[in-house]
Protein backbone atom coordinates (compact mmCIF):
# COMPACT_ATOMS: atom_id res chain seq x y z
CA MET A 1 -16.73 -25.51 -15.25
CA THR A 2 -16.35 -23.97 -11.82
CA ILE A 3 -15.63 -20.33 -11.25
CA LEU A 4 -12.03 -19.55 -10.37
CA HIS A 5 -11.00 -17.24 -7.53
CA SER A 6 -9.47 -14.43 -9.63
CA PRO A 7 -8.71 -13.41 -13.23
CA LYS A 8 -5.08 -14.46 -12.72
CA ALA A 9 -6.25 -18.02 -12.06
CA TYR A 10 -7.65 -18.20 -15.62
CA VAL A 11 -4.20 -17.45 -17.03
CA PHE A 12 -2.47 -19.76 -14.55
CA ASN A 13 -4.80 -22.66 -15.44
CA LEU A 14 -4.18 -22.00 -19.16
CA GLN A 15 -7.80 -21.21 -19.98
CA THR A 16 -6.53 -18.11 -21.73
CA THR A 17 -3.19 -16.48 -22.41
CA SER A 18 -4.14 -12.82 -22.19
CA SER A 19 -4.87 -10.85 -19.07
CA ALA A 20 -7.76 -8.99 -20.72
CA GLU A 21 -9.44 -12.22 -21.82
CA ALA A 22 -8.96 -13.69 -18.33
CA LYS A 23 -10.72 -10.69 -16.78
CA ARG A 24 -13.56 -10.95 -19.27
CA LEU A 25 -14.03 -14.69 -18.58
CA TRP A 26 -13.92 -14.16 -14.82
CA ARG A 27 -16.46 -11.33 -14.92
CA GLN A 28 -18.74 -13.40 -17.17
CA ASP A 29 -18.51 -16.40 -14.81
CA VAL A 30 -19.42 -14.23 -11.80
CA LYS A 31 -22.46 -12.86 -13.65
CA GLU A 32 -23.50 -16.37 -14.70
CA GLN A 33 -23.31 -17.58 -11.09
CA TRP A 34 -25.81 -14.84 -10.18
CA LYS A 35 -27.94 -15.56 -13.31
CA TYR A 36 -27.25 -12.01 -14.51
CA LYS A 37 -29.44 -10.65 -11.67
CA CYS A 38 -28.41 -7.91 -9.29
CA ALA A 39 -27.46 -9.48 -5.96
CA TYR A 40 -29.00 -6.53 -4.13
CA CYS A 41 -32.28 -5.67 -5.90
CA GLY A 42 -32.74 -8.62 -8.28
CA ASP A 43 -32.90 -6.44 -11.42
CA LYS A 44 -31.57 -7.84 -14.71
CA LYS A 45 -30.89 -4.50 -16.44
CA HIS A 46 -27.27 -3.48 -17.11
CA PRO A 47 -25.42 -6.15 -15.05
CA THR A 48 -22.01 -5.07 -13.77
CA ILE A 49 -19.58 -6.37 -11.17
CA ASP A 50 -19.57 -4.81 -7.69
CA HIS A 51 -16.95 -5.28 -5.01
CA ILE A 52 -18.86 -6.06 -1.81
CA VAL A 53 -16.08 -4.52 0.26
CA ALA A 54 -14.89 -1.68 -1.96
CA ARG A 55 -11.32 -1.83 -3.22
CA ALA A 56 -10.92 1.71 -1.88
CA LYS A 57 -11.62 0.25 1.59
CA GLY A 58 -9.13 -2.61 1.15
CA GLY A 59 -11.45 -5.19 -0.43
CA PRO A 60 -9.63 -7.81 -2.52
CA ASP A 61 -10.21 -8.48 -6.21
CA PHE A 62 -11.31 -12.08 -5.59
CA THR A 63 -14.49 -13.93 -6.47
CA LYS A 64 -15.72 -14.03 -2.86
CA ASN A 65 -15.70 -10.20 -2.77
CA VAL A 66 -17.59 -9.51 -6.01
CA VAL A 67 -21.22 -9.99 -7.02
CA CYS A 68 -23.31 -9.30 -10.09
CA CYS A 69 -24.91 -5.90 -9.58
CA CYS A 70 -27.10 -3.59 -11.66
CA HIS A 71 -25.56 -0.30 -12.69
CA SER A 72 -27.85 1.81 -10.48
CA CYS A 73 -27.10 -0.18 -7.28
CA ASN A 74 -23.39 -0.12 -8.09
CA GLN A 75 -23.44 3.66 -8.48
CA ASP A 76 -25.63 4.22 -5.42
CA LYS A 77 -23.57 1.97 -3.13
CA ALA A 78 -20.24 3.44 -4.27
CA HIS A 79 -17.69 2.69 -1.52
CA GLN A 80 -20.12 2.55 1.44
CA ASP A 81 -20.25 -0.40 3.81
CA TRP A 82 -22.47 -2.82 1.93
CA GLU A 83 -24.55 -3.95 4.92
CA GLU A 84 -25.35 -0.40 6.10
CA TRP A 85 -26.23 0.59 2.55
CA TYR A 86 -28.28 -2.54 1.85
CA PHE A 87 -30.30 -2.38 5.11
CA SER A 88 -31.37 1.19 4.25
CA GLN A 89 -32.74 0.27 0.80
CA ASP A 90 -36.46 -0.15 0.06
CA PHE A 91 -35.73 -3.34 -1.88
CA PHE A 92 -33.88 -5.02 1.03
CA SER A 93 -34.54 -8.76 1.08
CA LEU A 94 -33.41 -11.09 3.86
CA GLU A 95 -33.20 -13.93 1.33
CA ARG A 96 -30.81 -11.98 -0.95
CA TYR A 97 -28.85 -10.75 2.10
CA GLU A 98 -28.30 -14.37 3.22
CA LYS A 99 -27.31 -15.36 -0.31
CA ILE A 100 -24.64 -12.64 -0.39
CA ARG A 101 -23.36 -13.65 3.07
CA LYS A 102 -23.16 -17.28 1.91
CA TRP A 103 -21.30 -16.20 -1.24
CA MET A 104 -18.73 -14.32 0.87
CA ARG A 105 -17.92 -17.32 3.09
CA PRO A 106 -14.51 -18.83 2.42
CA ASP A 107 -14.41 -22.24 0.76
CA PRO A 108 -14.04 -25.16 3.15
CA PRO A 109 -10.49 -26.44 3.43
CA LYS A 110 -9.56 -29.17 1.00
CA ASP A 111 -8.44 -32.56 2.27
CA LEU A 112 -4.75 -32.59 1.45
CA PHE A 113 -4.50 -36.21 2.50
CA ALA A 114 -7.11 -37.51 0.07
CA TYR A 115 -4.53 -39.78 -1.54
CA ARG A 116 -2.73 -42.53 0.32
CA PRO A 117 1.05 -42.50 0.21
CA ARG A 118 2.42 -44.77 -2.49
CA ARG A 119 4.49 -47.76 -1.60
CA ASN A 120 8.19 -47.48 -2.37
CA ASN A 121 9.08 -50.48 -4.51
CA LEU A 122 12.81 -49.74 -4.41
CA THR A 123 13.39 -51.29 -0.99
């Protein structure tokens, strides 16, 4: 199953009927996509969810703005700009930086004309 863009999408797509369960499923799917490793330092201890652009700074609560993050990185980063914070860390990795940037990219537009129009048999 693919990860959906927000907890509300889990309710909308009838994968669950409760908001709390939808949030839990969404958070679990985000962590699974990152293999329960911190996106910043690569640690597997105490995985949490971190908003790349903090909600306090106007960051949305969508999949493209959250990553799996260890508790210590989440606390240390707080609401700072993620790139400034990440570049100043001893554990900075260009590979992980590129992975986060790729994760943040919007999905390519879907082809809305994938299906041919059907022939009207009434005429």
